[in-house]
């Protein structure tokens, strides 16, 4: 006979039959080992993300401290790219191509976010 166990049926209180597999101690220990191995892989991936984040913060700190001009240029370049992206998104909406509508939409957004009256 093979090492496989036959399915076992258990009757529950509500009358339904639940199908399961009978497991011996060896099978349970193999499953537990696989779960431990899976959890170790998850922890390893989490540690890789933490190390990567820490390295990024280290590089940013070095740029801020030792390469100030390069850091300022990178920040400026990032801001220009964000502005260019927003400009492109606004161009998709035909109603916002009218400068008056765009102006009042911007004022409304600033007003509803609270930035308009906080800054003025």
N, C-alpha and C. Protein backbone atom coordinates (compact mmCIF):
# COMPACT_ATOMS: atom_id res chain seq x y z
N UNK A 1 0.84 -1.18 0.00
CA UNK A 1 0.00 0.00 0.00
C UNK A 1 0.88 1.24 0.00
N UNK A 2 0.47 2.27 -0.71
CA UNK A 2 1.27 3.50 -0.78
C UNK A 2 1.18 4.25 0.53
N UNK A 3 2.05 5.26 0.70
CA UNK A 3 2.11 6.03 1.93
C UNK A 3 1.01 7.07 2.06
N UNK A 4 0.10 7.15 1.08
CA UNK A 4 -0.96 8.15 1.12
C UNK A 4 -2.07 7.69 2.05
N UNK A 5 -2.66 8.64 2.74
CA UNK A 5 -3.78 8.36 3.63
C UNK A 5 -5.08 8.56 2.88
N UNK A 6 -6.09 7.78 3.23
CA UNK A 6 -7.39 7.91 2.60
C UNK A 6 -8.13 9.09 3.22
N UNK A 7 -8.98 9.79 2.42
CA UNK A 7 -9.77 10.88 2.98
C UNK A 7 -10.68 10.39 4.09
N UNK A 8 -10.84 11.21 5.10
CA UNK A 8 -11.69 10.88 6.24
C UNK A 8 -12.85 11.84 6.26
N UNK A 9 -14.05 11.33 6.48
CA UNK A 9 -15.24 12.18 6.55
C UNK A 9 -15.63 12.35 8.01
N UNK A 10 -15.91 13.57 8.41
CA UNK A 10 -16.34 13.86 9.78
C UNK A 10 -17.71 14.51 9.73
N UNK A 11 -18.60 14.07 10.58
CA UNK A 11 -19.92 14.67 10.64
C UNK A 11 -19.89 15.77 11.68
N UNK A 12 -20.35 16.96 11.26
CA UNK A 12 -20.39 18.08 12.17
C UNK A 12 -21.79 18.21 12.75
N UNK A 13 -21.92 19.09 13.72
CA UNK A 13 -23.19 19.26 14.43
C UNK A 13 -24.36 19.66 13.55
N UNK A 14 -24.13 20.38 12.47
CA UNK A 14 -25.23 20.84 11.64
C UNK A 14 -25.61 19.83 10.56
N UNK A 15 -24.98 18.67 10.55
CA UNK A 15 -25.36 17.63 9.62
C UNK A 15 -24.55 17.60 8.34
N UNK A 16 -23.70 18.58 8.11
CA UNK A 16 -22.88 18.59 6.90
C UNK A 16 -21.68 17.69 7.09
N UNK A 17 -21.19 17.16 6.00
CA UNK A 17 -20.02 16.29 6.05
C UNK A 17 -18.82 17.09 5.57
N UNK A 18 -17.76 17.10 6.36
CA UNK A 18 -16.53 17.82 6.01
C UNK A 18 -15.48 16.80 5.60
N UNK A 19 -14.88 17.01 4.44
CA UNK A 19 -13.84 16.10 3.95
C UNK A 19 -12.49 16.59 4.44
N UNK A 20 -11.66 15.68 4.90
CA UNK A 20 -10.33 16.04 5.36
C UNK A 20 -9.37 14.92 5.02
N UNK A 21 -8.12 15.09 5.37
CA UNK A 21 -7.10 14.07 5.13
C UNK A 21 -6.48 13.75 6.47
N UNK A 22 -6.38 12.47 6.77
CA UNK A 22 -5.76 12.05 8.01
C UNK A 22 -4.25 12.22 7.87
N UNK A 23 -3.63 12.85 8.85
CA UNK A 23 -2.19 13.11 8.81
C UNK A 23 -1.50 12.40 9.96
N UNK A 24 -0.36 11.86 9.66
CA UNK A 24 0.44 11.26 10.73
C UNK A 24 1.46 12.30 11.21
N UNK A 25 2.25 11.96 12.23
CA UNK A 25 3.20 12.91 12.82
C UNK A 25 4.26 13.35 11.82
N UNK A 26 4.70 12.43 10.97
CA UNK A 26 5.72 12.76 9.97
C UNK A 26 5.20 13.82 8.99
N UNK A 27 3.96 13.67 8.55
CA UNK A 27 3.36 14.63 7.61
C UNK A 27 3.20 15.99 8.27
N UNK A 28 2.78 16.00 9.52
CA UNK A 28 2.60 17.26 10.24
C UNK A 28 3.93 17.98 10.41
N UNK A 29 5.00 17.24 10.72
CA UNK A 29 6.31 17.88 10.88
C UNK A 29 6.82 18.41 9.54
N UNK A 30 6.54 17.72 8.42
CA UNK A 30 6.94 18.22 7.11
C UNK A 30 6.20 19.51 6.77
N UNK A 31 4.91 19.56 7.09
CA UNK A 31 4.12 20.77 6.83
C UNK A 31 4.63 21.92 7.69
N UNK A 32 4.91 21.64 8.96
CA UNK A 32 5.41 22.68 9.86
C UNK A 32 6.76 23.22 9.37
N UNK A 33 7.62 22.34 8.87
CA UNK A 33 8.92 22.77 8.34
C UNK A 33 8.74 23.65 7.11
N UNK A 34 7.79 23.29 6.24
CA UNK A 34 7.52 24.10 5.04
C UNK A 34 6.98 25.48 5.43
N UNK A 35 6.13 25.56 6.44
CA UNK A 35 5.60 26.84 6.91
C UNK A 35 6.74 27.69 7.47
N UNK A 36 7.63 27.08 8.25
CA UNK A 36 8.78 27.82 8.79
C UNK A 36 9.66 28.35 7.67
N UNK A 37 9.92 27.52 6.65
CA UNK A 37 10.74 27.94 5.52
C UNK A 37 10.08 29.09 4.77
N UNK A 38 8.76 29.02 4.61
CA UNK A 38 8.03 30.08 3.93
C UNK A 38 8.13 31.39 4.72
N UNK A 39 7.98 31.31 6.03
CA UNK A 39 8.08 32.51 6.87
C UNK A 39 9.49 33.10 6.84
N UNK A 40 10.51 32.27 6.75
CA UNK A 40 11.88 32.78 6.66
C UNK A 40 12.08 33.55 5.36
N UNK A 41 11.50 33.05 4.26
CA UNK A 41 11.60 33.75 2.98
C UNK A 41 10.93 35.10 3.05
N UNK A 42 9.78 35.18 3.72
CA UNK A 42 9.08 36.47 3.87
C UNK A 42 9.92 37.43 4.69
N UNK A 43 10.52 36.94 5.76
CA UNK A 43 11.37 37.79 6.60
C UNK A 43 12.58 38.27 5.80
N UNK A 44 13.14 37.40 4.97
CA UNK A 44 14.30 37.77 4.16
C UNK A 44 13.93 38.87 3.17
N UNK A 45 12.75 38.76 2.52
CA UNK A 45 12.32 39.80 1.59
C UNK A 45 12.09 41.11 2.33
N UNK A 46 11.52 41.03 3.53
CA UNK A 46 11.29 42.24 4.31
C UNK A 46 12.63 42.88 4.68
N UNK A 47 13.61 42.07 5.03
CA UNK A 47 14.92 42.60 5.38
C UNK A 47 15.58 43.26 4.17
N UNK A 48 15.38 42.70 2.98
CA UNK A 48 15.94 43.30 1.77
C UNK A 48 15.34 44.68 1.55
N UNK A 49 14.02 44.82 1.76
CA UNK A 49 13.37 46.12 1.60
C UNK A 49 13.91 47.11 2.63
N UNK A 50 14.10 46.66 3.86
CA UNK A 50 14.64 47.55 4.89
C UNK A 50 16.05 48.00 4.55
N UNK A 51 16.88 47.07 4.07
CA UNK A 51 18.26 47.41 3.70
C UNK A 51 18.26 48.38 2.54
N UNK A 52 17.41 48.15 1.54
CA UNK A 52 17.33 49.04 0.39
C UNK A 52 16.90 50.44 0.82
N UNK A 53 15.89 50.53 1.67
CA UNK A 53 15.42 51.83 2.16
C UNK A 53 16.51 52.54 2.94
N UNK A 54 17.22 51.79 3.77
CA UNK A 54 18.31 52.38 4.56
C UNK A 54 19.43 52.89 3.65
N UNK A 55 19.74 52.13 2.59
CA UNK A 55 20.77 52.55 1.64
C UNK A 55 20.35 53.83 0.90
N UNK A 56 19.09 53.91 0.53
CA UNK A 56 18.60 55.11 -0.15
C UNK A 56 18.71 56.32 0.77
N UNK A 57 18.35 56.14 2.04
CA UNK A 57 18.47 57.25 2.99
C UNK A 57 19.92 57.65 3.19
N UNK A 58 20.83 56.68 3.18
CA UNK A 58 22.26 56.97 3.34
C UNK A 58 22.78 57.78 2.15
N UNK A 59 22.41 57.36 0.94
CA UNK A 59 22.86 58.08 -0.25
C UNK A 59 22.28 59.49 -0.25
N UNK A 60 21.01 59.63 0.13
CA UNK A 60 20.41 60.96 0.18
C UNK A 60 21.12 61.85 1.21
N UNK A 61 21.42 61.29 2.35
CA UNK A 61 22.14 62.06 3.37
C UNK A 61 23.52 62.48 2.91
N UNK A 62 24.23 61.57 2.21
CA UNK A 62 25.54 61.93 1.67
C UNK A 62 25.44 63.03 0.62
N UNK A 63 24.42 62.95 -0.24
CA UNK A 63 24.23 63.99 -1.25
C UNK A 63 23.95 65.34 -0.58
N UNK A 64 23.10 65.33 0.43
CA UNK A 64 22.76 66.58 1.13
C UNK A 64 23.98 67.18 1.82
N UNK A 65 24.82 66.32 2.39
CA UNK A 65 25.93 66.83 3.18
C UNK A 65 27.15 67.19 2.33
N UNK A 66 27.47 66.37 1.33
CA UNK A 66 28.73 66.53 0.63
C UNK A 66 28.62 67.04 -0.80
N UNK A 67 27.49 66.84 -1.42
CA UNK A 67 27.32 67.23 -2.82
C UNK A 67 26.07 68.10 -2.94
N UNK A 68 26.13 69.24 -2.31
CA UNK A 68 24.96 70.11 -2.21
C UNK A 68 24.45 70.58 -3.57
N UNK A 69 25.33 70.93 -4.48
CA UNK A 69 24.91 71.42 -5.79
C UNK A 69 24.23 70.30 -6.58
N UNK A 70 24.80 69.10 -6.55
CA UNK A 70 24.19 67.97 -7.24
C UNK A 70 22.82 67.64 -6.64
N UNK A 71 22.72 67.71 -5.31
CA UNK A 71 21.44 67.45 -4.64
C UNK A 71 20.39 68.48 -5.06
N UNK A 72 20.76 69.75 -5.08
CA UNK A 72 19.82 70.80 -5.48
C UNK A 72 19.39 70.60 -6.93
N UNK A 73 20.33 70.24 -7.80
CA UNK A 73 19.99 70.00 -9.21
C UNK A 73 19.03 68.81 -9.36
N UNK A 74 19.26 67.76 -8.58
CA UNK A 74 18.36 66.60 -8.64
C UNK A 74 16.96 66.95 -8.14
N UNK A 75 16.89 67.72 -7.05
CA UNK A 75 15.58 68.14 -6.54
C UNK A 75 14.88 69.02 -7.56
N UNK A 76 15.60 69.94 -8.17
CA UNK A 76 15.02 70.82 -9.19
C UNK A 76 14.52 70.00 -10.37
N UNK A 77 15.33 69.04 -10.83
CA UNK A 77 14.95 68.18 -11.94
C UNK A 77 13.68 67.39 -11.61
N UNK A 78 13.60 66.88 -10.38
CA UNK A 78 12.40 66.17 -9.96
C UNK A 78 11.17 67.06 -9.96
N UNK A 79 11.34 68.29 -9.49
CA UNK A 79 10.21 69.22 -9.47
C UNK A 79 9.76 69.58 -10.88
N UNK A 80 10.71 69.77 -11.79
CA UNK A 80 10.37 70.07 -13.19
C UNK A 80 9.61 68.90 -13.81
N UNK A 81 10.04 67.67 -13.52
CA UNK A 81 9.35 66.50 -14.07
C UNK A 81 7.93 66.38 -13.52
N UNK A 82 7.75 66.68 -12.23
CA UNK A 82 6.40 66.65 -11.66
C UNK A 82 5.54 67.72 -12.33
N UNK A 83 6.07 68.91 -12.49
CA UNK A 83 5.32 69.99 -13.14
C UNK A 83 4.96 69.62 -14.57
N UNK A 84 5.91 69.02 -15.30
CA UNK A 84 5.68 68.60 -16.68
C UNK A 84 4.57 67.54 -16.73
N UNK A 85 4.60 66.61 -15.78
CA UNK A 85 3.57 65.58 -15.73
C UNK A 85 2.20 66.16 -15.45
N UNK A 86 2.12 67.09 -14.50
CA UNK A 86 0.84 67.73 -14.19
C UNK A 86 0.35 68.53 -15.39
N UNK A 87 1.27 69.22 -16.05
CA UNK A 87 0.92 70.00 -17.24
C UNK A 87 0.32 69.09 -18.31
N UNK A 88 0.91 67.91 -18.49
CA UNK A 88 0.41 66.95 -19.47
C UNK A 88 -0.95 66.38 -19.08
N UNK A 89 -1.16 66.14 -17.80
CA UNK A 89 -2.44 65.61 -17.34
C UNK A 89 -3.54 66.66 -17.54
N UNK A 90 -3.23 67.90 -17.22
CA UNK A 90 -4.22 68.98 -17.39
C UNK A 90 -4.57 69.14 -18.86
N UNK A 91 -3.60 68.94 -19.74
CA UNK A 91 -3.85 69.10 -21.18
C UNK A 91 -4.82 68.05 -21.71
N UNK A 92 -4.99 66.95 -20.98
CA UNK A 92 -5.90 65.89 -21.41
C UNK A 92 -7.36 66.34 -21.29
N UNK A 93 -7.66 67.18 -20.31
CA UNK A 93 -9.03 67.64 -20.07
C UNK A 93 -9.29 68.91 -20.88
N UNK A 94 -10.16 68.82 -21.88
CA UNK A 94 -10.38 69.98 -22.76
C UNK A 94 -10.96 71.19 -22.03
N UNK A 95 -11.74 70.98 -20.98
CA UNK A 95 -12.35 72.11 -20.28
C UNK A 95 -11.29 72.95 -19.57
N UNK A 96 -10.18 72.34 -19.19
CA UNK A 96 -9.13 73.07 -18.48
C UNK A 96 -8.16 73.78 -19.42
N UNK A 97 -8.37 73.66 -20.73
CA UNK A 97 -7.52 74.39 -21.68
C UNK A 97 -7.86 75.88 -21.69
N UNK A 98 -9.02 76.23 -21.22
CA UNK A 98 -9.41 77.63 -21.09
C UNK A 98 -8.73 78.18 -19.83
N UNK A 99 -7.89 79.22 -19.93
CA UNK A 99 -7.14 79.71 -18.77
C UNK A 99 -8.03 80.21 -17.63
N UNK A 100 -9.17 80.79 -17.96
CA UNK A 100 -10.07 81.29 -16.90
C UNK A 100 -10.63 80.12 -16.10
N UNK A 101 -11.07 79.09 -16.80
CA UNK A 101 -11.60 77.90 -16.12
C UNK A 101 -10.51 77.24 -15.29
N UNK A 102 -9.30 77.15 -15.85
CA UNK A 102 -8.18 76.56 -15.12
C UNK A 102 -7.86 77.36 -13.86
N UNK A 103 -7.88 78.68 -13.97
CA UNK A 103 -7.60 79.54 -12.82
C UNK A 103 -8.62 79.30 -11.70
N UNK A 104 -9.90 79.33 -12.04
CA UNK A 104 -10.93 79.16 -11.01
C UNK A 104 -10.96 77.74 -10.46
N UNK A 105 -10.62 76.77 -11.28
CA UNK A 105 -10.51 75.39 -10.78
C UNK A 105 -9.36 75.29 -9.78
N UNK A 106 -8.23 75.91 -10.09
CA UNK A 106 -7.09 75.91 -9.16
C UNK A 106 -7.41 76.61 -7.86
N UNK A 107 -8.11 77.76 -7.94
CA UNK A 107 -8.51 78.48 -6.73
C UNK A 107 -9.46 77.61 -5.90
N UNK A 108 -10.38 76.92 -6.58
CA UNK A 108 -11.33 76.06 -5.86
C UNK A 108 -10.60 74.91 -5.16
N UNK A 109 -9.64 74.31 -5.83
CA UNK A 109 -8.88 73.22 -5.22
C UNK A 109 -8.12 73.73 -4.01
N UNK A 110 -7.45 74.88 -4.13
CA UNK A 110 -6.72 75.45 -3.00
C UNK A 110 -7.66 75.83 -1.86
N UNK A 111 -8.83 76.33 -2.19
CA UNK A 111 -9.80 76.71 -1.17
C UNK A 111 -10.29 75.50 -0.39
N UNK A 112 -10.67 74.44 -1.12
CA UNK A 112 -11.23 73.25 -0.46
C UNK A 112 -10.19 72.45 0.30
N UNK A 113 -8.93 72.55 -0.08
CA UNK A 113 -7.89 71.85 0.69
C UNK A 113 -7.42 72.68 1.87
N UNK A 114 -7.84 73.94 1.96
CA UNK A 114 -7.45 74.79 3.06
C UNK A 114 -6.15 75.54 2.82
N UNK A 115 -5.50 75.28 1.72
CA UNK A 115 -4.22 75.93 1.43
C UNK A 115 -4.40 77.38 1.03
N UNK A 116 -5.50 77.70 0.40
CA UNK A 116 -5.72 79.04 -0.12
C UNK A 116 -5.73 80.07 1.02
N UNK A 117 -6.54 79.84 2.03
CA UNK A 117 -6.64 80.83 3.09
C UNK A 117 -5.58 80.66 4.16
N UNK A 118 -4.89 79.56 4.20
CA UNK A 118 -3.78 79.38 5.13
C UNK A 118 -2.56 80.13 4.64
N UNK A 119 -2.36 80.18 3.33
CA UNK A 119 -1.17 80.79 2.74
C UNK A 119 -1.34 82.30 2.53
N UNK A 120 -2.57 82.78 2.37
CA UNK A 120 -2.77 84.20 2.07
C UNK A 120 -2.89 85.03 3.30
